N, C-alpha and C. Protein backbone atom coordinates (compact mmCIF):
# COMPACT_ATOMS: atom_id res chain seq x y z
N MET A 1 0.82 -1.20 0.00
CA MET A 1 0.00 0.00 0.00
C MET A 1 0.86 1.26 0.00
N ILE A 2 1.80 1.37 0.94
CA ILE A 2 2.59 2.59 1.08
C ILE A 2 3.59 2.68 -0.08
N GLY A 3 3.68 3.87 -0.62
CA GLY A 3 4.62 4.12 -1.70
C GLY A 3 5.84 4.85 -1.19
N LYS A 4 6.42 5.66 -2.05
CA LYS A 4 7.64 6.36 -1.65
C LYS A 4 7.34 7.53 -0.73
N LEU A 5 8.37 7.99 -0.06
CA LEU A 5 8.29 9.18 0.77
C LEU A 5 8.11 10.37 -0.15
N ASN A 6 7.01 11.10 0.02
CA ASN A 6 6.76 12.27 -0.82
C ASN A 6 7.47 13.49 -0.27
N HIS A 7 7.32 13.73 1.05
CA HIS A 7 8.01 14.86 1.66
C HIS A 7 8.07 14.73 3.17
N VAL A 8 9.00 15.50 3.74
CA VAL A 8 9.11 15.70 5.18
C VAL A 8 8.72 17.14 5.43
N ALA A 9 7.75 17.36 6.33
CA ALA A 9 7.27 18.72 6.60
C ALA A 9 7.91 19.26 7.87
N ILE A 10 8.41 20.48 7.78
CA ILE A 10 9.06 21.15 8.90
C ILE A 10 8.36 22.49 9.13
N VAL A 11 7.90 22.71 10.36
CA VAL A 11 7.30 23.98 10.73
C VAL A 11 8.43 24.95 11.04
N VAL A 12 8.33 26.16 10.51
CA VAL A 12 9.38 27.16 10.70
C VAL A 12 8.78 28.48 11.19
N PRO A 13 9.52 29.21 12.05
CA PRO A 13 9.02 30.49 12.53
C PRO A 13 9.14 31.62 11.51
N ASP A 14 10.06 31.47 10.56
CA ASP A 14 10.29 32.50 9.54
C ASP A 14 10.48 31.80 8.20
N LEU A 15 9.45 31.83 7.37
CA LEU A 15 9.46 31.10 6.11
C LEU A 15 10.54 31.59 5.14
N ALA A 16 10.69 32.91 5.03
CA ALA A 16 11.70 33.46 4.11
C ALA A 16 13.11 33.08 4.56
N ALA A 17 13.38 33.14 5.85
CA ALA A 17 14.70 32.78 6.36
C ALA A 17 14.98 31.29 6.15
N ALA A 18 13.98 30.46 6.40
CA ALA A 18 14.15 29.02 6.21
C ALA A 18 14.40 28.69 4.74
N ALA A 19 13.63 29.32 3.84
CA ALA A 19 13.82 29.09 2.41
C ALA A 19 15.22 29.53 1.99
N ALA A 20 15.70 30.63 2.54
CA ALA A 20 17.04 31.13 2.21
C ALA A 20 18.13 30.15 2.66
N ILE A 21 17.93 29.51 3.81
CA ILE A 21 18.91 28.52 4.28
C ILE A 21 19.03 27.39 3.26
N TYR A 22 17.90 26.89 2.81
CA TYR A 22 17.94 25.79 1.84
C TYR A 22 18.47 26.25 0.49
N ARG A 23 18.09 27.46 0.07
CA ARG A 23 18.50 27.97 -1.25
C ARG A 23 19.98 28.37 -1.25
N ARG A 24 20.35 29.24 -0.32
CA ARG A 24 21.70 29.81 -0.34
C ARG A 24 22.74 28.91 0.31
N THR A 25 22.41 28.37 1.47
CA THR A 25 23.40 27.59 2.21
C THR A 25 23.56 26.19 1.65
N LEU A 26 22.44 25.55 1.31
CA LEU A 26 22.50 24.17 0.83
C LEU A 26 22.43 24.04 -0.69
N GLY A 27 22.12 25.13 -1.37
CA GLY A 27 22.09 25.11 -2.84
C GLY A 27 20.90 24.36 -3.43
N ALA A 28 19.82 24.27 -2.69
CA ALA A 28 18.63 23.54 -3.16
C ALA A 28 17.73 24.42 -4.00
N ARG A 29 16.92 23.78 -4.82
CA ARG A 29 15.89 24.48 -5.59
C ARG A 29 14.68 24.63 -4.67
N VAL A 30 14.21 25.86 -4.52
CA VAL A 30 13.15 26.19 -3.56
C VAL A 30 12.01 26.89 -4.30
N SER A 31 10.77 26.43 -4.04
CA SER A 31 9.61 27.04 -4.70
C SER A 31 9.27 28.40 -4.08
N GLU A 32 8.40 29.10 -4.74
CA GLU A 32 7.84 30.32 -4.17
C GLU A 32 6.84 29.94 -3.09
N PRO A 33 6.60 30.81 -2.11
CA PRO A 33 5.61 30.52 -1.07
C PRO A 33 4.21 30.38 -1.69
N LEU A 34 3.45 29.45 -1.14
CA LEU A 34 2.09 29.21 -1.58
C LEU A 34 1.18 29.24 -0.36
N ALA A 35 0.25 30.19 -0.32
CA ALA A 35 -0.72 30.27 0.78
C ALA A 35 -1.83 29.26 0.54
N LEU A 36 -2.12 28.48 1.57
CA LEU A 36 -3.20 27.49 1.51
C LEU A 36 -4.18 27.79 2.64
N PRO A 37 -5.07 28.77 2.43
CA PRO A 37 -5.99 29.18 3.50
C PRO A 37 -6.85 28.03 4.03
N GLU A 38 -7.22 27.07 3.16
CA GLU A 38 -8.07 25.96 3.61
C GLU A 38 -7.33 25.05 4.59
N HIS A 39 -5.99 25.11 4.61
CA HIS A 39 -5.18 24.33 5.54
C HIS A 39 -4.57 25.21 6.64
N GLY A 40 -4.69 26.53 6.51
CA GLY A 40 -4.15 27.44 7.51
C GLY A 40 -2.63 27.52 7.52
N VAL A 41 -2.03 27.32 6.34
CA VAL A 41 -0.57 27.37 6.26
C VAL A 41 -0.12 28.07 5.00
N THR A 42 1.11 28.55 5.06
CA THR A 42 1.84 28.96 3.86
C THR A 42 2.97 27.95 3.74
N THR A 43 3.21 27.47 2.54
CA THR A 43 4.18 26.40 2.34
C THR A 43 5.18 26.76 1.26
N VAL A 44 6.36 26.22 1.40
CA VAL A 44 7.42 26.31 0.41
C VAL A 44 7.96 24.89 0.25
N PHE A 45 8.20 24.46 -0.97
CA PHE A 45 8.76 23.13 -1.19
C PHE A 45 10.22 23.24 -1.63
N VAL A 46 11.05 22.46 -0.98
CA VAL A 46 12.46 22.34 -1.32
C VAL A 46 12.58 21.04 -2.12
N GLU A 47 13.01 21.15 -3.36
CA GLU A 47 13.11 19.99 -4.25
C GLU A 47 14.46 19.31 -4.09
N LEU A 48 14.42 18.03 -3.75
CA LEU A 48 15.64 17.23 -3.65
C LEU A 48 15.58 16.14 -4.72
N ALA A 49 16.68 15.47 -4.94
CA ALA A 49 16.73 14.44 -5.97
C ALA A 49 15.78 13.29 -5.68
N ASN A 50 15.59 12.95 -4.40
CA ASN A 50 14.81 11.77 -4.06
C ASN A 50 13.53 12.05 -3.27
N THR A 51 13.28 13.30 -2.90
CA THR A 51 12.06 13.66 -2.16
C THR A 51 11.95 15.18 -2.08
N LYS A 52 11.10 15.67 -1.22
CA LYS A 52 10.94 17.10 -1.01
C LYS A 52 10.93 17.39 0.49
N ILE A 53 11.27 18.60 0.84
CA ILE A 53 11.09 19.13 2.19
C ILE A 53 10.01 20.19 2.06
N GLU A 54 8.99 20.11 2.89
CA GLU A 54 7.92 21.11 2.90
C GLU A 54 8.14 22.00 4.12
N LEU A 55 8.39 23.27 3.88
CA LEU A 55 8.52 24.24 4.97
C LEU A 55 7.14 24.85 5.20
N LEU A 56 6.67 24.78 6.44
CA LEU A 56 5.32 25.26 6.79
C LEU A 56 5.39 26.41 7.76
N HIS A 57 4.53 27.38 7.53
CA HIS A 57 4.40 28.52 8.44
C HIS A 57 2.91 28.78 8.63
N PRO A 58 2.50 29.11 9.87
CA PRO A 58 1.07 29.36 10.11
C PRO A 58 0.53 30.50 9.25
N LEU A 59 -0.68 30.32 8.77
CA LEU A 59 -1.39 31.35 8.01
C LEU A 59 -2.65 31.68 8.79
N GLY A 60 -2.63 32.80 9.47
CA GLY A 60 -3.78 33.21 10.27
C GLY A 60 -3.72 32.66 11.70
N GLU A 61 -4.51 33.26 12.56
CA GLU A 61 -4.51 32.92 13.98
C GLU A 61 -5.08 31.54 14.26
N ARG A 62 -5.90 31.01 13.37
CA ARG A 62 -6.54 29.71 13.58
C ARG A 62 -5.79 28.57 12.91
N SER A 63 -4.56 28.82 12.52
CA SER A 63 -3.76 27.81 11.86
C SER A 63 -3.58 26.59 12.76
N PRO A 64 -3.73 25.39 12.20
CA PRO A 64 -3.54 24.19 13.01
C PRO A 64 -2.09 23.98 13.45
N ILE A 65 -1.14 24.68 12.85
CA ILE A 65 0.25 24.51 13.27
C ILE A 65 0.72 25.62 14.19
N ALA A 66 -0.15 26.58 14.50
CA ALA A 66 0.24 27.68 15.40
C ALA A 66 0.62 27.14 16.78
N LYS A 67 -0.14 26.19 17.30
CA LYS A 67 0.18 25.62 18.62
C LYS A 67 1.49 24.86 18.58
N PHE A 68 1.76 24.19 17.47
CA PHE A 68 3.04 23.48 17.32
C PHE A 68 4.19 24.47 17.44
N LEU A 69 4.05 25.63 16.78
CA LEU A 69 5.11 26.63 16.81
C LEU A 69 5.22 27.28 18.19
N GLU A 70 4.09 27.44 18.88
CA GLU A 70 4.14 27.96 20.26
C GLU A 70 4.93 27.02 21.15
N ALA A 71 4.70 25.73 21.00
CA ALA A 71 5.39 24.72 21.82
C ALA A 71 6.84 24.51 21.38
N ASN A 72 7.12 24.83 20.12
CA ASN A 72 8.46 24.64 19.53
C ASN A 72 8.85 25.92 18.81
N PRO A 73 9.23 26.97 19.53
CA PRO A 73 9.46 28.29 18.90
C PRO A 73 10.52 28.29 17.79
N SER A 74 11.44 27.36 17.83
CA SER A 74 12.46 27.28 16.77
C SER A 74 11.98 26.46 15.58
N GLY A 75 10.77 25.87 15.71
CA GLY A 75 10.24 25.01 14.65
C GLY A 75 10.65 23.57 14.87
N GLY A 76 10.36 22.73 13.88
CA GLY A 76 10.73 21.33 13.97
C GLY A 76 9.93 20.48 13.00
N MET A 77 10.27 19.19 12.97
CA MET A 77 9.58 18.28 12.06
C MET A 77 8.12 18.16 12.47
N HIS A 78 7.23 18.26 11.49
CA HIS A 78 5.79 18.21 11.74
C HIS A 78 5.18 16.90 11.30
N HIS A 79 5.46 16.46 10.07
CA HIS A 79 4.89 15.20 9.59
C HIS A 79 5.71 14.61 8.45
N LEU A 80 5.43 13.33 8.18
CA LEU A 80 5.96 12.63 7.02
C LEU A 80 4.81 12.36 6.08
N CYS A 81 5.05 12.49 4.78
CA CYS A 81 4.01 12.22 3.79
C CYS A 81 4.46 11.08 2.89
N TYR A 82 3.59 10.06 2.81
CA TYR A 82 3.85 8.91 1.95
C TYR A 82 2.83 8.88 0.82
N GLU A 83 3.26 8.39 -0.32
CA GLU A 83 2.38 8.28 -1.47
C GLU A 83 1.61 6.97 -1.43
N VAL A 84 0.36 7.03 -1.89
CA VAL A 84 -0.47 5.83 -2.08
C VAL A 84 -1.14 5.93 -3.44
N ALA A 85 -1.42 4.78 -4.04
CA ALA A 85 -2.03 4.77 -5.37
C ALA A 85 -3.52 5.11 -5.30
N ASP A 86 -4.20 4.65 -4.26
CA ASP A 86 -5.65 4.85 -4.12
C ASP A 86 -5.93 5.23 -2.67
N ILE A 87 -6.23 6.49 -2.43
CA ILE A 87 -6.37 6.98 -1.06
C ILE A 87 -7.57 6.35 -0.34
N LEU A 88 -8.65 6.06 -1.06
CA LEU A 88 -9.81 5.44 -0.41
C LEU A 88 -9.53 4.00 -0.02
N ALA A 89 -8.84 3.26 -0.88
CA ALA A 89 -8.46 1.89 -0.55
C ALA A 89 -7.46 1.90 0.61
N ALA A 90 -6.51 2.84 0.59
CA ALA A 90 -5.53 2.95 1.67
C ALA A 90 -6.23 3.28 2.98
N ARG A 91 -7.20 4.20 2.94
CA ARG A 91 -7.95 4.55 4.15
C ARG A 91 -8.66 3.33 4.71
N ALA A 92 -9.32 2.58 3.86
CA ALA A 92 -10.05 1.39 4.30
C ALA A 92 -9.10 0.38 4.95
N GLN A 93 -7.95 0.17 4.33
CA GLN A 93 -6.97 -0.78 4.87
C GLN A 93 -6.42 -0.28 6.21
N LEU A 94 -6.12 1.00 6.30
CA LEU A 94 -5.58 1.57 7.54
C LEU A 94 -6.59 1.50 8.68
N VAL A 95 -7.83 1.88 8.40
CA VAL A 95 -8.88 1.84 9.42
C VAL A 95 -9.12 0.40 9.87
N ALA A 96 -9.13 -0.54 8.94
CA ALA A 96 -9.31 -1.96 9.28
C ALA A 96 -8.18 -2.46 10.18
N ALA A 97 -6.98 -1.86 10.02
CA ALA A 97 -5.83 -2.25 10.84
C ALA A 97 -5.79 -1.50 12.17
N GLY A 98 -6.77 -0.59 12.40
CA GLY A 98 -6.85 0.11 13.68
C GLY A 98 -6.30 1.52 13.68
N ALA A 99 -5.85 2.02 12.55
CA ALA A 99 -5.33 3.39 12.48
C ALA A 99 -6.48 4.39 12.52
N ARG A 100 -6.23 5.53 13.11
CA ARG A 100 -7.23 6.60 13.19
C ARG A 100 -6.92 7.68 12.18
N VAL A 101 -7.93 8.01 11.38
CA VAL A 101 -7.82 9.09 10.40
C VAL A 101 -8.30 10.36 11.09
N LEU A 102 -7.53 11.42 10.96
CA LEU A 102 -7.89 12.69 11.60
C LEU A 102 -8.95 13.44 10.81
N GLY A 103 -9.59 14.40 11.46
CA GLY A 103 -10.63 15.21 10.83
C GLY A 103 -11.88 14.38 10.62
N ASP A 104 -12.58 14.66 9.54
CA ASP A 104 -13.83 13.93 9.28
C ASP A 104 -13.59 12.62 8.52
N GLY A 105 -12.33 12.31 8.25
CA GLY A 105 -12.01 11.06 7.57
C GLY A 105 -12.09 11.10 6.06
N GLU A 106 -12.53 12.24 5.54
CA GLU A 106 -12.65 12.39 4.08
C GLU A 106 -11.40 13.09 3.53
N PRO A 107 -10.90 12.63 2.38
CA PRO A 107 -9.74 13.28 1.79
C PRO A 107 -10.01 14.75 1.47
N ARG A 108 -8.97 15.56 1.65
CA ARG A 108 -8.99 16.97 1.27
C ARG A 108 -7.92 17.19 0.23
N THR A 109 -8.02 18.28 -0.50
CA THR A 109 -7.00 18.60 -1.49
C THR A 109 -5.79 19.18 -0.79
N GLY A 110 -4.62 18.58 -1.02
CA GLY A 110 -3.39 19.03 -0.40
C GLY A 110 -2.65 20.06 -1.22
N ALA A 111 -1.44 20.37 -0.79
CA ALA A 111 -0.62 21.41 -1.42
C ALA A 111 -0.26 21.09 -2.87
N HIS A 112 -0.25 19.81 -3.24
CA HIS A 112 0.06 19.43 -4.62
C HIS A 112 -1.19 19.29 -5.48
N GLY A 113 -2.35 19.67 -4.91
CA GLY A 113 -3.60 19.55 -5.66
C GLY A 113 -4.13 18.13 -5.72
N LYS A 114 -3.63 17.26 -4.85
CA LYS A 114 -4.04 15.85 -4.82
C LYS A 114 -4.69 15.52 -3.49
N PRO A 115 -5.51 14.47 -3.44
CA PRO A 115 -6.19 14.11 -2.19
C PRO A 115 -5.21 13.65 -1.11
N VAL A 116 -5.44 14.13 0.12
CA VAL A 116 -4.60 13.76 1.26
C VAL A 116 -5.47 13.43 2.47
N LEU A 117 -4.90 12.64 3.36
CA LEU A 117 -5.47 12.34 4.67
C LEU A 117 -4.34 12.35 5.68
N PHE A 118 -4.68 12.69 6.93
CA PHE A 118 -3.70 12.65 8.00
C PHE A 118 -4.09 11.55 8.99
N LEU A 119 -3.06 10.88 9.51
CA LEU A 119 -3.26 9.77 10.43
C LEU A 119 -2.72 10.13 11.81
N HIS A 120 -3.41 9.68 12.84
CA HIS A 120 -3.09 10.05 14.21
C HIS A 120 -1.66 9.64 14.57
N PRO A 121 -0.88 10.57 15.15
CA PRO A 121 0.51 10.25 15.49
C PRO A 121 0.65 9.14 16.53
N LYS A 122 -0.33 8.98 17.40
CA LYS A 122 -0.23 7.92 18.41
C LYS A 122 -0.27 6.53 17.79
N ASP A 123 -0.76 6.43 16.56
CA ASP A 123 -0.82 5.14 15.88
C ASP A 123 0.45 4.86 15.07
N PHE A 124 1.36 5.84 15.00
CA PHE A 124 2.56 5.71 14.16
C PHE A 124 3.81 6.22 14.88
N CYS A 125 4.05 5.63 16.04
CA CYS A 125 5.30 5.90 16.79
C CYS A 125 5.49 7.37 17.12
N GLY A 126 4.39 8.10 17.37
CA GLY A 126 4.47 9.51 17.73
C GLY A 126 4.67 10.45 16.57
N THR A 127 4.50 9.97 15.34
CA THR A 127 4.72 10.80 14.16
C THR A 127 3.42 10.99 13.39
N LEU A 128 3.07 12.24 13.12
CA LEU A 128 1.92 12.54 12.27
C LEU A 128 2.24 12.07 10.86
N ILE A 129 1.32 11.33 10.26
CA ILE A 129 1.52 10.79 8.92
C ILE A 129 0.48 11.37 7.98
N GLU A 130 0.93 11.82 6.83
CA GLU A 130 0.04 12.25 5.75
C GLU A 130 0.17 11.22 4.64
N ILE A 131 -0.96 10.83 4.07
CA ILE A 131 -0.91 10.01 2.86
C ILE A 131 -1.49 10.84 1.72
N GLU A 132 -0.85 10.72 0.56
CA GLU A 132 -1.26 11.49 -0.61
C GLU A 132 -1.44 10.56 -1.78
N GLN A 133 -2.56 10.67 -2.45
CA GLN A 133 -2.80 9.88 -3.66
C GLN A 133 -1.99 10.45 -4.81
N VAL A 134 -1.29 9.56 -5.51
CA VAL A 134 -0.48 10.03 -6.66
C VAL A 134 -0.95 9.36 -7.93
């Protein structure tokens, strides 16, 4: 069911500074910021040869990652995203295995314009997991 690692998401207190670190210091290709109001974040993707790094910054006071940043003022890893071929089949298999899907359990459109779901971190060794249909 699980495919390749799509991205590692890191919450950052300063999106422009974080993007500059990856662009200037590490020489990576970095996207322009993209505001995603429906998710309450602004995101930047760092393109690597084998995966991506997603830099996340809260968008608005009701951002779901605002509390994460309050608890971790320097930022930190937020979630891992894995690719799946069929998100509904993956959801059914995960739920049957006892995993908890966050939110209302229905896929939402993610930053790549593809369906995503998030899985409870307590079911995955303390790590928030995103699955994305590719």
